Amino acid sequence: MTVQELSTFLKEHLVPAKFYKIGGSHNNRICIEQTEDGWEVFFSEKKEKVGLMRYEDENSACMSMKNEMRKLMESVYGLTWAR
């Protein structure tokens, strides 16, 4: 999965954009961004990367973020999708 495919998936599954940021960070959102060493998935809080997870490849990072968004949607709305 690529970040473009992840973005499309989240939109198709009606995940509010206020929950995530693809490419960079934004306060109080789950973020995914590419770094010199690979990819990072984290929650951005007051310019801090909370729960930082690092990945070597784009697919692994995207699948991780997709799973984090699934858990968030389930906890907030009681809705989810198949893994």
PDB file of N, CA and C in Angstrom:
ATOM      1  N   MET A   1       0.845  -1.175   0.000  1.00  0.00           N
ATOM      2  CA  MET A   1       0.000   0.000   0.000  1.00  0.00           C
ATOM      3  C   MET A   1       0.892   1.241   0.000  1.00  0.00           C
ATOM      4  N   THR A   2       0.501   2.234  -0.749  1.00  0.00           N
ATOM      5  CA  THR A   2       1.214   3.511  -0.800  1.00  0.00           C
ATOM      6  C   THR A   2       0.422   4.560  -0.019  1.00  0.00           C
ATOM      7  N   VAL A   3       1.031   5.714   0.234  1.00  0.00           N
ATOM      8  CA  VAL A   3       0.305   6.763   0.941  1.00  0.00           C
ATOM      9  C   VAL A   3      -0.887   7.256   0.121  1.00  0.00           C
ATOM     10  N   GLN A   4      -0.765   7.234  -1.203  1.00  0.00           N
ATOM     11  CA  GLN A   4      -1.900   7.630  -2.049  1.00  0.00           C
ATOM     12  C   GLN A   4      -3.049   6.639  -1.899  1.00  0.00           C
ATOM     13  N   GLU A   5      -2.728   5.357  -1.897  1.00  0.00           N
ATOM     14  CA  GLU A   5      -3.757   4.326  -1.697  1.00  0.00           C
ATOM     15  C   GLU A   5      -4.366   4.429  -0.297  1.00  0.00           C
ATOM     16  N   LEU A   6      -3.534   4.728   0.708  1.00  0.00           N
ATOM     17  CA  LEU A   6      -4.031   4.906   2.071  1.00  0.00           C
ATOM     18  C   LEU A   6      -4.989   6.087   2.133  1.00  0.00           C
ATOM     19  N   SER A   7      -4.617   7.183   1.510  1.00  0.00           N
ATOM     20  CA  SER A   7      -5.475   8.368   1.488  1.00  0.00           C
ATOM     21  C   SER A   7      -6.827   8.056   0.852  1.00  0.00           C
ATOM     22  N   THR A   8      -6.804   7.364  -0.261  1.00  0.00           N
ATOM     23  CA  THR A   8      -8.042   6.982  -0.940  1.00  0.00           C
ATOM     24  C   THR A   8      -8.878   6.072  -0.051  1.00  0.00           C
ATOM     25  N   PHE A   9      -8.240   5.083   0.581  1.00  0.00           N
ATOM     26  CA  PHE A   9      -8.938   4.147   1.462  1.00  0.00           C
ATOM     27  C   PHE A   9      -9.633   4.892   2.602  1.00  0.00           C
ATOM     28  N   LEU A  10      -8.920   5.804   3.258  1.00  0.00           N
ATOM     29  CA  LEU A  10      -9.491   6.527   4.391  1.00  0.00           C
ATOM     30  C   LEU A  10     -10.670   7.388   3.960  1.00  0.00           C
ATOM     31  N   LYS A  11     -10.573   8.014   2.804  1.00  0.00           N
ATOM     32  CA  LYS A  11     -11.685   8.811   2.289  1.00  0.00           C
ATOM     33  C   LYS A  11     -12.882   7.936   1.951  1.00  0.00           C
ATOM     34  N   GLU A  12     -12.638   6.791   1.315  1.00  0.00           N
ATOM     35  CA  GLU A  12     -13.723   5.870   0.958  1.00  0.00           C
ATOM     36  C   GLU A  12     -14.421   5.314   2.196  1.00  0.00           C
ATOM     37  N   HIS A  13     -13.696   5.198   3.290  1.00  0.00           N
ATOM     38  CA  HIS A  13     -14.263   4.665   4.525  1.00  0.00           C
ATOM     39  C   HIS A  13     -14.699   5.769   5.489  1.00  0.00           C
ATOM     40  N   LEU A  14     -14.802   6.986   4.953  1.00  0.00           N
ATOM     41  CA  LEU A  14     -15.354   8.142   5.654  1.00  0.00           C
ATOM     42  C   LEU A  14     -14.647   8.480   6.969  1.00  0.00           C
ATOM     43  N   VAL A  15     -13.337   8.288   6.987  1.00  0.00           N
ATOM     44  CA  VAL A  15     -12.551   8.676   8.157  1.00  0.00           C
ATOM     45  C   VAL A  15     -12.376  10.190   8.106  1.00  0.00           C
ATOM     46  N   PRO A  16     -12.822  10.909   9.137  1.00  0.00           N
ATOM     47  CA  PRO A  16     -12.699  12.371   9.119  1.00  0.00           C
ATOM     48  C   PRO A  16     -11.237  12.815   9.011  1.00  0.00           C
ATOM     49  N   ALA A  17     -10.986  13.774   8.144  1.00  0.00           N
ATOM     50  CA  ALA A  17      -9.629  14.278   7.920  1.00  0.00           C
ATOM     51  C   ALA A  17      -9.048  14.899   9.185  1.00  0.00           C
ATOM     52  N   LYS A  18      -9.881  15.282  10.138  1.00  0.00           N
ATOM     53  CA  LYS A  18      -9.386  15.877  11.383  1.00  0.00           C
ATOM     54  C   LYS A  18      -8.661  14.860  12.264  1.00  0.00           C
ATOM     55  N   PHE A  19      -8.731  13.570  11.899  1.00  0.00           N
ATOM     56  CA  PHE A  19      -8.076  12.522  12.678  1.00  0.00           C
ATOM     57  C   PHE A  19      -6.666  12.204  12.209  1.00  0.00           C
ATOM     58  N   TYR A  20      -6.301  12.592  10.998  1.00  0.00           N
ATOM     59  CA  TYR A  20      -5.013  12.149  10.466  1.00  0.00           C
ATOM     60  C   TYR A  20      -4.350  13.198   9.575  1.00  0.00           C
ATOM     61  N   LYS A  21      -3.048  12.994   9.377  1.00  0.00           N
ATOM     62  CA  LYS A  21      -2.265  13.835   8.469  1.00  0.00           C
ATOM     63  C   LYS A  21      -1.311  12.922   7.708  1.00  0.00           C
ATOM     64  N   ILE A  22      -1.388  12.955   6.400  1.00  0.00           N
ATOM     65  CA  ILE A  22      -0.499  12.158   5.561  1.00  0.00           C
ATOM     66  C   ILE A  22       0.565  13.087   4.993  1.00  0.00           C
ATOM     67  N   GLY A  23       1.828  12.785   5.305  1.00  0.00           N
ATOM     68  CA  GLY A  23       2.934  13.618   4.827  1.00  0.00           C
ATOM     69  C   GLY A  23       3.146  14.826   5.713  1.00  0.00           C
ATOM     70  N   GLY A  24       3.810  14.637   6.829  1.00  0.00           N
ATOM     71  CA  GLY A  24       4.049  15.728   7.763  1.00  0.00           C
ATOM     72  C   GLY A  24       3.333  15.480   9.069  1.00  0.00           C
ATOM     73  N   SER A  25       3.268  16.505   9.890  1.00  0.00           N
ATOM     74  CA  SER A  25       2.588  16.347  11.171  1.00  0.00           C
ATOM     75  C   SER A  25       1.621  17.503  11.392  1.00  0.00           C
ATOM     76  N   HIS A  26       0.638  17.244  12.230  1.00  0.00           N
ATOM     77  CA  HIS A  26      -0.363  18.240  12.584  1.00  0.00           C
ATOM     78  C   HIS A  26      -0.817  17.915  13.995  1.00  0.00           C
ATOM     79  N   ASN A  27      -0.914  18.906  14.843  1.00  0.00           N
ATOM     80  CA  ASN A  27      -1.255  18.697  16.243  1.00  0.00           C
ATOM     81  C   ASN A  27      -2.543  17.905  16.426  1.00  0.00           C
ATOM     82  N   ASN A  28      -2.496  16.951  17.332  1.00  0.00           N
ATOM     83  CA  ASN A  28      -3.643  16.119  17.708  1.00  0.00           C
ATOM     84  C   ASN A  28      -4.165  15.250  16.567  1.00  0.00           C
ATOM     85  N   ARG A  29      -3.265  14.738  15.752  1.00  0.00           N
ATOM     86  CA  ARG A  29      -3.642  13.829  14.670  1.00  0.00           C
ATOM     87  C   ARG A  29      -2.653  12.670  14.594  1.00  0.00           C
ATOM     88  N   ILE A  30      -3.128  11.556  14.060  1.00  0.00           N
ATOM     89  CA  ILE A  30      -2.239  10.447  13.750  1.00  0.00           C
ATOM     90  C   ILE A  30      -1.585  10.792  12.419  1.00  0.00           C
ATOM     91  N   CYS A  31      -0.265  10.707  12.376  1.00  0.00           N
ATOM     92  CA  CYS A  31       0.491  11.181  11.217  1.00  0.00           C
ATOM     93  C   CYS A  31       1.368  10.087  10.630  1.00  0.00           C
ATOM     94  N   ILE A  32       1.613  10.210   9.340  1.00  0.00           N
ATOM     95  CA  ILE A  32       2.574   9.358   8.653  1.00  0.00           C
ATOM     96  C   ILE A  32       3.440  10.275   7.807  1.00  0.00           C
ATOM     97  N   GLU A  33       4.756  10.045   7.897  1.00  0.00           N
ATOM     98  CA  GLU A  33       5.652  10.857   7.083  1.00  0.00           C
ATOM     99  C   GLU A  33       6.908  10.074   6.727  1.00  0.00           C
ATOM    100  N   GLN A  34       7.454  10.431   5.592  1.00  0.00           N
ATOM    101  CA  GLN A  34       8.694   9.809   5.140  1.00  0.00           C
ATOM    102  C   GLN A  34       9.867  10.588   5.720  1.00  0.00           C
ATOM    103  N   THR A  35      10.886   9.848   6.158  1.00  0.00           N
ATOM    104  CA  THR A  35      12.099  10.459   6.689  1.00  0.00           C
ATOM    105  C   THR A  35      13.283   9.965   5.866  1.00  0.00           C
ATOM    106  N   GLU A  36      14.457  10.423   6.191  1.00  0.00           N
ATOM    107  CA  GLU A  36      15.662   9.971   5.491  1.00  0.00           C
ATOM    108  C   GLU A  36      15.897   8.477   5.696  1.00  0.00           C
ATOM    109  N   ASP A  37      15.476   7.963   6.851  1.00  0.00           N
ATOM    110  CA  ASP A  37      15.724   6.562   7.206  1.00  0.00           C
ATOM    111  C   ASP A  37      14.558   5.632   6.891  1.00  0.00           C
ATOM    112  N   GLY A  38      13.450   6.147   6.435  1.00  0.00           N
ATOM    113  CA  GLY A  38      12.281   5.304   6.155  1.00  0.00           C
ATOM    114  C   GLY A  38      10.987   6.052   6.383  1.00  0.00           C
ATOM    115  N   TRP A  39      10.101   5.459   7.184  1.00  0.00           N
ATOM    116  CA  TRP A  39       8.778   6.014   7.418  1.00  0.00           C
ATOM    117  C   TRP A  39       8.469   6.040   8.903  1.00  0.00           C
ATOM    118  N   GLU A  40       7.666   7.013   9.333  1.00  0.00           N
ATOM    119  CA  GLU A  40       7.246   7.121  10.728  1.00  0.00           C
ATOM    120  C   GLU A  40       5.732   7.279  10.809  1.00  0.00           C
ATOM    121  N   VAL A  41       5.165   6.614  11.808  1.00  0.00           N
ATOM    122  CA  VAL A  41       3.745   6.752  12.145  1.00  0.00           C
ATOM    123  C   VAL A  41       3.712   7.137  13.617  1.00  0.00           C
ATOM    124  N   PHE A  42       2.929   8.180  13.953  1.00  0.00           N
ATOM    125  CA  PHE A  42       2.919   8.681  15.322  1.00  0.00           C
ATOM    126  C   PHE A  42       1.694   9.553  15.557  1.00  0.00           C
ATOM    127  N   PHE A  43       1.426   9.832  16.824  1.00  0.00           N
ATOM    128  CA  PHE A  43       0.413  10.812  17.201  1.00  0.00           C
ATOM    129  C   PHE A  43       1.144  12.094  17.531  1.00  0.00           C
ATOM    130  N   SER A  44       0.743  13.189  16.919  1.00  0.00           N
ATOM    131  CA  SER A  44       1.389  14.477  17.143  1.00  0.00           C
ATOM    132  C   SER A  44       0.664  15.231  18.253  1.00  0.00           C
ATOM    133  N   GLU A  45       1.422  15.562  19.307  1.00  0.00           N
ATOM    134  CA  GLU A  45       0.848  16.295  20.428  1.00  0.00           C
ATOM    135  C   GLU A  45       1.849  17.332  20.903  1.00  0.00           C
ATOM    136  N   LYS A  46       1.487  18.577  20.762  1.00  0.00           N
ATOM    137  CA  LYS A  46       2.352  19.686  21.178  1.00  0.00           C
ATOM    138  C   LYS A  46       3.762  19.552  20.604  1.00  0.00           C
ATOM    139  N   LYS A  47       3.836  19.299  19.321  1.00  0.00           N
ATOM    140  CA  LYS A  47       5.093  19.170  18.565  1.00  0.00           C
ATOM    141  C   LYS A  47       5.922  17.953  18.980  1.00  0.00           C
ATOM    142  N   GLU A  48       5.333  17.043  19.729  1.00  0.00           N
ATOM    143  CA  GLU A  48       6.001  15.806  20.129  1.00  0.00           C
ATOM    144  C   GLU A  48       5.424  14.643  19.331  1.00  0.00           C
ATOM    145  N   LYS A  49       6.259  13.650  19.056  1.00  0.00           N
ATOM    146  CA  LYS A  49       5.827  12.442  18.347  1.00  0.00           C
ATOM    147  C   LYS A  49       5.552  11.361  19.386  1.00  0.00           C
ATOM    148  N   VAL A  50       4.294  11.228  19.757  1.00  0.00           N
ATOM    149  CA  VAL A  50       3.880  10.272  20.776  1.00  0.00           C
ATOM    150  C   VAL A  50       3.621   8.915  20.125  1.00  0.00           C
ATOM    151  N   GLY A  51       4.109   7.848  20.744  1.00  0.00           N
ATOM    152  CA  GLY A  51       3.889   6.504  20.215  1.00  0.00           C
ATOM    153  C   GLY A  51       4.574   6.275  18.879  1.00  0.00           C
ATOM    154  N   LEU A  52       5.730   6.858  18.692  1.00  0.00           N
ATOM    155  CA  LEU A  52       6.452   6.808  17.415  1.00  0.00           C
ATOM    156  C   LEU A  52       6.778   5.370  17.011  1.00  0.00           C
ATOM    157  N   MET A  53       6.404   5.017  15.785  1.00  0.00           N
ATOM    158  CA  MET A  53       6.727   3.716  15.204  1.00  0.00           C
ATOM    159  C   MET A  53       7.481   3.973  13.907  1.00  0.00           C
ATOM    160  N   ARG A  54       8.621   3.317  13.740  1.00  0.00           N
ATOM    161  CA  ARG A  54       9.448   3.508  12.541  1.00  0.00           C
ATOM    162  C   ARG A  54       9.395   2.264  11.664  1.00  0.00           C
ATOM    163  N   TYR A  55       9.384   2.500  10.343  1.00  0.00           N
ATOM    164  CA  TYR A  55       9.318   1.411   9.366  1.00  0.00           C
ATOM    165  C   TYR A  55      10.316   1.669   8.251  1.00  0.00           C
ATOM    166  N   GLU A  56      10.822   0.598   7.680  1.00  0.00           N
ATOM    167  CA  GLU A  56      11.779   0.725   6.579  1.00  0.00           C
ATOM    168  C   GLU A  56      11.090   0.962   5.246  1.00  0.00           C
ATOM    169  N   ASP A  57       9.831   0.491   5.123  1.00  0.00           N
ATOM    170  CA  ASP A  57       9.155   0.609   3.832  1.00  0.00           C
ATOM    171  C   ASP A  57       7.779   1.257   3.968  1.00  0.00           C
ATOM    172  N   GLU A  58       7.341   1.829   2.869  1.00  0.00           N
ATOM    173  CA  GLU A  58       6.076   2.556   2.806  1.00  0.00           C
ATOM    174  C   GLU A  58       4.886   1.663   3.111  1.00  0.00           C
ATOM    175  N   ASN A  59       4.865   0.461   2.571  1.00  0.00           N
ATOM    176  CA  ASN A  59       3.738  -0.444   2.781  1.00  0.00           C
ATOM    177  C   ASN A  59       3.532  -0.746   4.261  1.00  0.00           C
ATOM    178  N   SER A  60       4.588  -1.069   4.979  1.00  0.00           N
ATOM    179  CA  SER A  60       4.469  -1.390   6.407  1.00  0.00           C
ATOM    180  C   SER A  60       3.945  -0.195   7.196  1.00  0.00           C
ATOM    181  N   ALA A  61       4.433   0.990   6.883  1.00  0.00           N
ATOM    182  CA  ALA A  61       3.978   2.197   7.570  1.00  0.00           C
ATOM    183  C   ALA A  61       2.501   2.461   7.277  1.00  0.00           C
ATOM    184  N   CYS A  62       2.104   2.317   6.031  1.00  0.00           N
ATOM    185  CA  CYS A  62       0.713   2.555   5.653  1.00  0.00           C
ATOM    186  C   CYS A  62      -0.224   1.546   6.316  1.00  0.00           C
ATOM    187  N   MET A  63       0.185   0.291   6.369  1.00  0.00           N
ATOM    188  CA  MET A  63      -0.645  -0.727   7.006  1.00  0.00           C
ATOM    189  C   MET A  63      -0.773  -0.450   8.502  1.00  0.00           C
ATOM    190  N   SER A  64       0.295   0.035   9.125  1.00  0.00           N
ATOM    191  CA  SER A  64       0.258   0.392  10.541  1.00  0.00           C
ATOM    192  C   SER A  64      -0.705   1.548  10.779  1.00  0.00           C
ATOM    193  N   MET A  65      -0.609   2.579   9.940  1.00  0.00           N
ATOM    194  CA  MET A  65      -1.507   3.724  10.109  1.00  0.00           C
ATOM    195  C   MET A  65      -2.951   3.313   9.856  1.00  0.00           C
ATOM    196  N   LYS A  66      -3.176   2.493   8.863  1.00  0.00           N
ATOM    197  CA  LYS A  66      -4.525   2.005   8.574  1.00  0.00           C
ATOM    198  C   LYS A  66      -5.093   1.289   9.799  1.00  0.00           C
ATOM    199  N   ASN A  67      -4.280   0.486  10.455  1.00  0.00           N
ATOM    200  CA  ASN A  67      -4.723  -0.232  11.642  1.00  0.00           C
ATOM    201  C   ASN A  67      -4.997   0.732  12.798  1.00  0.00           C
ATOM    202  N   GLU A  68      -4.145   1.737  12.961  1.00  0.00           N
ATOM    203  CA  GLU A  68      -4.374   2.735  14.009  1.00  0.00           C
ATOM    204  C   GLU A  68      -5.676   3.502  13.759  1.00  0.00           C
ATOM    205  N   MET A  69      -5.939   3.828  12.507  1.00  0.00           N
ATOM    206  CA  MET A  69      -7.177   4.539  12.175  1.00  0.00           C
ATOM    207  C   MET A  69      -8.392   3.644  12.397  1.00  0.00           C
ATOM    208  N   ARG A  70      -8.246   2.342  12.111  1.00  0.00           N
ATOM    209  CA  ARG A  70      -9.339   1.393  12.350  1.00  0.00           C
ATOM    210  C   ARG A  70      -9.686   1.370  13.837  1.00  0.00           C
ATOM    211  N   LYS A  71      -8.660   1.302  14.690  1.00  0.00           N
ATOM    212  CA  LYS A  71      -8.895   1.278  16.134  1.00  0.00           C
ATOM    213  C   LYS A  71      -9.533   2.583  16.614  1.00  0.00           C
ATOM    214  N   LEU A  72      -9.083   3.707  16.070  1.00  0.00           N
ATOM    215  CA  LEU A  72      -9.649   5.002  16.449  1.00  0.00           C
ATOM    216  C   LEU A  72     -11.114   5.096  16.047  1.00  0.00           C
ATOM    217  N   MET A  73     -11.427   4.702  14.826  1.00  0.00           N
ATOM    218  CA  MET A  73     -12.814   4.752  14.357  1.00  0.00           C
ATOM    219  C   MET A  73     -13.710   3.838  15.200  1.00  0.00           C
ATOM    220  N   GLU A  74     -13.181   2.705  15.589  1.00  0.00           N
ATOM    221  CA  GLU A  74     -13.960   1.780  16.416  1.00  0.00           C
ATOM    222  C   GLU A  74     -14.212   2.375  17.802  1.00  0.00           C
ATOM    223  N   SER A  75     -13.208   3.015  18.381  1.00  0.00           N
ATOM    224  CA  SER A  75     -13.379   3.568  19.719  1.00  0.00           C
ATOM    225  C   SER A  75     -14.278   4.815  19.722  1.00  0.00           C
ATOM    226  N   VAL A  76     -14.189   5.627  18.674  1.00  0.00           N
ATOM    227  CA  VAL A  76     -14.972   6.879  18.637  1.00  0.00           C
ATOM    228  C   VAL A  76     -16.402   6.636  18.147  1.00  0.00           C
ATOM    229  N   TYR A  77     -16.532   5.870  17.052  1.00  0.00           N
ATOM    230  CA  TYR A  77     -17.839   5.713  16.418  1.00  0.00           C
ATOM    231  C   TYR A  77     -18.445   4.324  16.540  1.00  0.00           C
ATOM    232  N   GLY A  78     -17.669   3.354  17.030  1.00  0.00           N
ATOM    233  CA  GLY A  78     -18.160   1.989  17.090  1.00  0.00           C
ATOM    234  C   GLY A  78     -18.217   1.340  15.727  1.00  0.00           C
ATOM    235  N   LEU A  79     -17.507   1.916  14.761  1.00  0.00           N
ATOM    236  CA  LEU A  79     -17.476   1.403  13.390  1.00  0.00           C
ATOM    237  C   LEU A  79     -16.063   0.957  13.052  1.00  0.00           C
ATOM    238  N   THR A  80     -15.960  -0.063  12.217  1.00  0.00           N
ATOM    239  CA  THR A  80     -14.654  -0.528  11.794  1.00  0.00           C
ATOM    240  C   THR A  80     -14.772  -1.196  10.436  1.00  0.00           C
ATOM    241  N   TRP A  81     -13.678  -1.666   9.938  1.00  0.00           N
ATOM    242  CA  TRP A  81     -13.659  -2.401   8.680  1.00  0.00           C
ATOM    243  C   TRP A  81     -12.818  -3.650   8.889  1.00  0.00           C
ATOM    244  N   ALA A  82     -12.913  -4.577   7.964  1.00  0.00           N
ATOM    245  CA  ALA A  82     -12.140  -5.810   8.069  1.00  0.00           C
ATOM    246  C   ALA A  82     -10.664  -5.490   7.978  1.00  0.00           C
ATOM    247  N   ARG A  83      -9.855  -6.241   8.690  1.00  0.00           N
ATOM    248  CA  ARG A  83      -8.413  -5.997   8.671  1.00  0.00           C
ATOM    249  C   ARG A  83      -7.901  -6.331   7.343  1.00  0.00           C
TER     250      ARG A  83
END
